[in-house]
């Protein structure tokens, strides 16, 4: 499904291209004469502009959907998403620092990735100061750290140049894939694919962890080690995604709920469903963002406008609980 939507997404845009032409251009890497009769401009748009953007949307949507399902299982909370430990807030602050310093797009992504990890480390080590109810304290520390970085980002926006730097910071924080190039894909693909493979291989352990620490110990699993490892992997995936796309909300919260309605709560099936649905959802959102109006709509805005009514509908339909 994501592959089919990806091909359609490459074909649709301000410069419309037929699906057959898209397939021919994509196959041109295997067959040198596959692009006969296709304008060079169309080939350049497909290979240099739309294809890396579509690949990024698939990877980021899958990453946020899978990590959201993992976080909801670990914290046993249906309101948890990929930003529960402040990774998005930290990444937003890092990007704002880089933009304020006049750094290149590559440095903006690097700063966002590093500060996203720093935010999670602060949440984790802050929670270690308390020995009781570790998950509750970790959640609280994530909220505190996220609020701290949001305040720091607001401070940077206050002192930024209102004619140049401030609009750049604001637009980045709203989320977009407009500036994605092939240079952004390798690191994002490596982190995302490795992280998703790990979550798929250990998805059955999420079922055990969601039962509670005592049950996990009885079944021979160290819950602290397992939770820490899954949190670390999910955080890496989220930080890599946010560093490329900016802040995109609702994917990690909405998609696991949709997956539970389709396949149930068993993470053996829920994890691949969340990964696939996340990729499909962000592909559709990105397609709407760049085709609905003459100007491109930020992804973070559109995910909120679309995600809220969808989640309300899902919760109303899934009356038996999460």
Protein backbone atom coordinates (compact mmCIF):
# COMPACT_ATOMS: atom_id res chain seq x y z
CA UNK A 1 0.00 0.00 0.00
CA UNK A 2 2.68 2.63 0.82
CA UNK A 3 4.49 1.78 -2.45
CA UNK A 4 1.34 2.27 -4.54
CA UNK A 5 0.52 5.54 -2.81
CA UNK A 6 4.14 6.59 -3.22
CA UNK A 7 3.96 6.14 -7.00
CA UNK A 8 0.69 8.09 -7.09
CA UNK A 9 2.25 10.81 -4.91
CA UNK A 10 5.16 11.16 -7.34
CA UNK A 11 2.73 11.57 -10.23
CA UNK A 12 0.53 14.20 -8.55
CA UNK A 13 1.64 17.80 -8.10
CA UNK A 14 1.82 21.23 -9.70
CA UNK A 15 3.50 19.54 -12.67
CA UNK A 16 1.30 16.49 -13.33
CA UNK A 17 3.00 13.36 -14.60
CA UNK A 18 1.30 10.14 -15.68
CA UNK A 19 1.72 7.08 -13.48
CA UNK A 20 3.09 5.14 -16.45
CA UNK A 21 5.80 7.75 -16.95
CA UNK A 22 6.68 7.59 -13.25
CA UNK A 23 7.04 3.81 -13.41
CA UNK A 24 9.19 4.06 -16.56
CA UNK A 25 11.50 6.62 -14.97
CA UNK A 26 11.84 4.53 -11.81
CA UNK A 27 12.64 1.47 -13.91
CA UNK A 28 15.19 3.44 -15.92
CA UNK A 29 17.84 2.51 -13.34
CA UNK A 30 17.40 -1.09 -14.49
CA UNK A 31 16.61 -0.56 -18.17
CA UNK A 32 18.45 2.28 -19.85
CA UNK A 33 15.86 2.76 -22.61
CA UNK A 34 12.84 2.94 -20.26
CA UNK A 35 12.69 6.77 -20.36
CA UNK A 36 12.36 7.14 -24.13
CA UNK A 37 9.80 9.84 -24.93
CA UNK A 38 9.64 11.27 -21.39
CA UNK A 39 10.70 14.95 -21.10
CA UNK A 40 13.94 15.60 -19.23
CA UNK A 41 12.14 18.06 -16.93
CA UNK A 42 9.70 15.34 -15.86
CA UNK A 43 12.56 12.94 -15.18
CA UNK A 44 14.34 15.54 -13.06
CA UNK A 45 11.19 16.31 -11.06
CA UNK A 46 10.60 12.61 -10.40
CA UNK A 47 14.13 11.61 -9.45
CA UNK A 48 15.48 14.75 -7.79
CA UNK A 49 12.45 16.38 -6.14
CA UNK A 50 9.49 14.07 -5.59
CA UNK A 51 11.15 10.67 -5.09
CA UNK A 52 13.34 11.66 -2.10
CA UNK A 53 10.37 13.47 -0.58
CA UNK A 54 8.13 10.41 -0.94
CA UNK A 55 10.80 8.12 0.51
CA UNK A 56 11.24 10.50 3.46
CA UNK A 57 7.47 10.60 4.06
CA UNK A 58 7.30 6.77 4.11
CA UNK A 59 10.26 6.45 6.48
CA UNK A 60 9.11 9.22 8.84
CA UNK A 61 5.49 8.05 8.94
CA UNK A 62 6.55 4.47 9.60
CA UNK A 63 9.02 5.61 12.27
CA UNK A 64 6.50 7.76 14.15
CA UNK A 65 3.76 5.11 13.89
CA UNK A 66 5.97 2.29 15.14
CA UNK A 67 7.60 4.29 17.94
CA UNK A 68 4.19 5.57 19.04
CA UNK A 69 2.90 2.01 19.40
CA UNK A 70 6.02 1.04 21.36
CA UNK A 71 5.76 4.00 23.74
CA UNK A 72 2.06 3.36 24.38
CA UNK A 73 2.85 -0.25 25.28
CA UNK A 74 5.72 0.64 27.62
CA UNK A 75 3.88 3.44 29.41
CA UNK A 76 0.53 1.59 29.26
CA UNK A 77 -1.14 4.84 28.34
CA UNK A 78 -3.26 5.50 25.20
CA UNK A 79 -2.41 9.24 25.32
CA UNK A 80 1.33 8.69 24.89
CA UNK A 81 3.07 9.44 21.61
CA UNK A 82 6.63 9.74 20.32
CA UNK A 83 7.17 13.06 22.11
CA UNK A 84 6.44 11.77 25.62
CA UNK A 85 10.10 12.17 26.68
CA UNK A 86 10.61 15.59 25.11
CA UNK A 87 12.49 14.51 21.99
CA UNK A 88 10.46 16.76 19.68
CA UNK A 89 10.82 19.76 21.98
CA UNK A 90 14.56 19.21 22.26
CA UNK A 91 14.90 18.83 18.49
CA UNK A 92 12.93 22.03 17.96
CA UNK A 93 15.26 23.92 20.28
CA UNK A 94 18.34 22.51 18.53
CA UNK A 95 17.02 23.53 15.12
CA UNK A 96 16.18 27.01 16.44
CA UNK A 97 19.74 27.40 17.76
CA UNK A 98 21.22 26.40 14.40
CA UNK A 99 18.90 28.73 12.47
CA UNK A 100 19.67 31.60 14.85
CA UNK A 101 23.40 31.02 14.28
CA UNK A 102 22.90 31.11 10.51
CA UNK A 103 23.91 27.49 9.94
CA UNK A 104 23.16 25.43 6.83
CA UNK A 105 20.26 23.00 6.52
CA UNK A 106 22.59 20.09 7.25
CA UNK A 107 23.69 21.70 10.54
CA UNK A 108 20.06 22.44 11.42
CA UNK A 109 19.25 18.74 11.13
CA UNK A 110 22.37 17.77 13.08
CA UNK A 111 21.54 20.18 15.92
CA UNK A 112 17.94 18.94 15.97
CA UNK A 113 19.05 15.31 16.19
CA UNK A 114 21.60 15.97 18.97
CA UNK A 115 19.31 18.09 21.14
CA UNK A 116 16.48 15.59 20.68
CA UNK A 117 18.71 12.91 22.19
CA UNK A 118 19.86 15.31 24.94
CA UNK A 119 16.25 15.96 25.94
CA UNK A 120 15.55 12.23 26.31
CA UNK A 121 18.76 11.67 28.27
CA UNK A 122 17.78 14.46 30.67
CA UNK A 123 14.37 12.84 31.13
CA UNK A 124 15.89 9.41 31.69
CA UNK A 125 18.61 10.42 34.13
CA UNK A 126 16.26 12.77 35.94
CA UNK A 127 13.87 9.90 36.54
CA UNK A 128 16.72 7.84 38.08
CA UNK A 129 16.80 10.24 41.03
CA UNK A 130 13.63 8.58 42.31
CA UNK A 131 13.27 4.89 43.09
CA UNK A 132 9.49 4.60 43.23
CA UNK A 133 7.09 4.20 40.24
CA UNK A 134 9.85 4.66 37.61
CA UNK A 135 7.46 4.87 34.64
CA UNK A 136 5.39 7.58 36.30
CA UNK A 137 8.49 9.59 37.20
CA UNK A 138 9.90 9.13 33.70
CA UNK A 139 6.68 10.45 32.22
CA UNK A 140 6.72 13.43 34.57
CA UNK A 141 10.36 14.18 33.75
CA UNK A 142 9.54 13.99 30.04
CA UNK A 143 6.81 16.58 30.48
CA UNK A 144 9.13 18.82 32.49
CA UNK A 145 12.01 18.55 30.04
CA UNK A 146 9.69 19.14 27.10
CA UNK A 147 8.28 22.26 28.77
CA UNK A 148 11.82 23.49 29.48
CA UNK A 149 12.92 23.17 25.86
CA UNK A 150 9.67 24.73 24.63
CA UNK A 151 10.37 27.74 26.86
CA UNK A 152 13.95 27.96 25.60
CA UNK A 153 12.68 27.83 22.02
CA UNK A 154 10.21 30.62 22.76
CA UNK A 155 13.09 32.67 24.19
CA UNK A 156 15.10 32.19 21.00
CA UNK A 157 12.10 33.22 18.91
CA UNK A 158 11.75 36.33 21.04
CA UNK A 159 15.34 37.47 20.40
CA UNK A 160 15.45 36.35 16.74
CA UNK A 161 15.34 38.76 13.83
CA UNK A 162 11.60 39.16 13.11
CA UNK A 163 12.18 39.74 9.38
CA UNK A 164 14.46 36.80 8.61
CA UNK A 165 15.35 34.34 11.37
CA UNK A 166 12.00 34.23 13.19
CA UNK A 167 9.98 33.13 10.12
CA UNK A 168 12.55 30.38 9.41
CA UNK A 169 12.31 29.05 12.98
CA UNK A 170 8.52 29.21 12.97
CA UNK A 171 8.21 27.44 9.62
CA UNK A 172 10.62 24.67 10.67
CA UNK A 173 8.67 24.06 13.87
CA UNK A 174 5.47 23.62 11.85
CA UNK A 175 6.93 20.66 9.94
CA UNK A 176 7.54 20.23 6.24
CA UNK A 177 9.19 17.95 3.68
CA UNK A 178 9.66 20.69 1.10
CA UNK A 179 13.44 20.87 1.52
CA UNK A 180 14.14 17.14 1.58
CA UNK A 181 16.88 16.01 -0.83
CA UNK A 182 18.81 12.79 -1.39
CA UNK A 183 21.36 14.03 1.11
CA UNK A 184 18.80 13.59 3.90
CA UNK A 185 17.85 10.01 3.05
CA UNK A 186 20.85 7.76 3.96
CA UNK A 187 21.03 8.47 7.72
CA UNK A 188 17.25 8.60 8.04
CA UNK A 189 16.90 5.28 6.19
CA UNK A 190 19.61 3.50 8.21
CA UNK A 191 18.25 4.61 11.60
CA UNK A 192 14.61 4.01 10.66
CA UNK A 193 15.01 0.61 9.02
CA UNK A 194 17.29 -0.70 11.79
CA UNK A 195 14.92 0.60 14.47
CA UNK A 196 11.82 -0.82 12.81
CA UNK A 197 13.47 -4.22 12.38
CA UNK A 198 14.30 -4.23 16.08
CA UNK A 199 10.72 -3.32 17.07
CA UNK A 200 9.32 -6.00 14.77
CA UNK A 201 11.66 -8.68 16.14
CA UNK A 202 10.84 -7.81 19.75
CA UNK A 203 7.18 -6.89 19.26
CA UNK A 204 6.05 -10.02 21.15
CA UNK A 205 7.94 -8.79 24.21
CA UNK A 206 5.85 -5.62 24.22
CA UNK A 207 2.85 -7.84 25.00
CA UNK A 208 4.66 -9.17 28.07
CA UNK A 209 5.92 -5.75 29.19
CA UNK A 210 2.42 -4.30 28.93
CA UNK A 211 1.24 -6.88 31.50
CA UNK A 212 3.46 -5.43 34.22
CA UNK A 213 6.97 -5.85 35.61
CA UNK A 214 6.16 -8.79 37.87
CA UNK A 215 4.64 -10.82 35.05
CA UNK A 216 7.61 -10.00 32.81
CA UNK A 217 10.09 -11.20 35.45
CA UNK A 218 8.09 -14.39 35.92
CA UNK A 219 8.41 -15.08 32.19
CA UNK A 220 12.17 -14.52 32.24
CA UNK A 221 12.38 -10.97 30.86
CA UNK A 222 14.21 -8.13 32.58
CA UNK A 223 11.62 -5.34 32.25
CA UNK A 224 14.01 -2.47 33.06
CA UNK A 225 16.57 -3.51 30.45
CA UNK A 226 13.93 -4.22 27.84
CA UNK A 227 12.09 -0.94 28.40
CA UNK A 228 15.32 1.05 28.33
CA UNK A 229 16.40 -0.57 25.08
CA UNK A 230 13.05 -0.02 23.36
CA UNK A 231 12.91 3.59 24.57
CA UNK A 232 16.44 4.20 23.27
CA UNK A 233 15.69 2.70 19.84
CA UNK A 234 12.35 4.54 19.53
CA UNK A 235 14.01 7.79 20.57
CA UNK A 236 16.71 7.43 17.91
CA UNK A 237 14.03 6.85 15.27
CA UNK A 238 11.96 9.82 16.41
CA UNK A 239 14.97 12.15 16.62
CA UNK A 240 16.09 11.16 13.12
CA UNK A 241 12.58 11.72 11.76
CA UNK A 242 12.08 15.09 13.45
CA UNK A 243 15.52 16.33 12.39
CA UNK A 244 14.49 15.92 8.74
CA UNK A 245 10.81 16.91 8.78
CA UNK A 246 10.48 19.27 11.71
CA UNK A 247 7.73 18.86 14.28
CA UNK A 248 4.91 16.62 13.03
CA UNK A 249 2.36 15.73 15.67
CA UNK A 250 -0.51 13.23 15.96
CA UNK A 251 1.06 10.43 13.92
CA UNK A 252 2.46 8.59 16.95
CA UNK A 253 -0.80 9.09 18.87
CA UNK A 254 -3.39 8.42 16.16
CA UNK A 255 -1.90 5.53 14.20
CA UNK A 256 -1.63 2.93 17.05
CA UNK A 257 -5.33 3.46 17.85
CA UNK A 258 -6.24 2.83 14.20
CA UNK A 259 -4.03 -0.25 14.20
CA UNK A 260 -5.75 -1.71 17.28
CA UNK A 261 -9.13 -1.40 15.60
CA UNK A 262 -7.86 -3.21 12.50
CA UNK A 263 -5.75 -6.01 14.01
CA UNK A 264 -6.29 -5.90 17.78
CA UNK A 265 -3.90 -5.22 20.67
CA UNK A 266 -1.43 -8.04 19.97
CA UNK A 267 1.84 -6.24 19.12
CA UNK A 268 2.89 -9.09 16.85
CA UNK A 269 0.29 -7.70 14.43
CA UNK A 270 -0.12 -4.18 15.82
CA UNK A 271 3.50 -3.17 15.21
CA UNK A 272 3.57 -3.93 11.45
CA UNK A 273 0.09 -2.41 11.13
CA UNK A 274 1.22 0.80 12.87
CA UNK A 275 4.32 1.00 10.69
CA UNK A 276 2.33 0.58 7.47
CA UNK A 277 -0.51 2.88 8.52
CA UNK A 278 1.95 5.55 9.65
CA UNK A 279 3.64 5.53 6.25
CA UNK A 280 0.30 5.68 4.42
CA UNK A 281 -1.06 8.43 6.67
CA UNK A 282 1.93 10.74 6.21
CA UNK A 283 1.98 10.09 2.46
CA UNK A 284 -1.64 11.22 2.23
CA UNK A 285 -1.04 14.23 4.48
CA UNK A 286 2.00 15.29 2.45
CA UNK A 287 0.03 14.91 -0.79
CA UNK A 288 -2.77 17.10 0.59
CA UNK A 289 -0.27 19.62 1.95
CA UNK A 290 1.23 20.32 -1.46
CA UNK A 291 -1.91 20.12 -3.62
CA UNK A 292 -4.86 21.60 -1.70
CA UNK A 293 -3.82 25.25 -2.01
CA UNK A 294 -1.40 27.24 -4.19
CA UNK A 295 0.97 27.51 -1.22
CA UNK A 296 2.14 24.45 0.69
CA UNK A 297 0.49 23.81 4.07
CA UNK A 298 2.83 22.85 6.94
CA UNK A 299 2.49 19.18 7.81
CA UNK A 300 2.20 19.84 11.55
CA UNK A 301 -0.87 22.01 10.93
CA UNK A 302 -2.55 19.53 8.61
CA UNK A 303 -1.94 16.49 10.82
CA UNK A 304 -3.71 18.30 13.65
CA UNK A 305 -6.66 19.37 11.50
CA UNK A 306 -7.08 15.87 10.07
CA UNK A 307 -5.95 13.85 13.08
CA UNK A 308 -8.32 15.28 15.70
CA UNK A 309 -11.63 14.31 14.00
CA UNK A 310 -10.18 10.93 12.93
CA UNK A 311 -9.08 10.10 16.47
CA UNK A 312 -12.45 11.16 17.89
CA UNK A 313 -14.15 8.87 15.38
CA UNK A 314 -11.82 5.99 16.21
CA UNK A 315 -12.36 6.38 19.95
CA UNK A 316 -16.13 6.48 19.47
CA UNK A 317 -16.04 3.32 17.38
CA UNK A 318 -13.64 1.47 19.68
CA UNK A 319 -15.86 1.65 22.74
CA UNK A 320 -14.41 -1.42 24.41
CA UNK A 321 -11.20 0.43 25.29
CA UNK A 322 -7.63 0.49 24.02
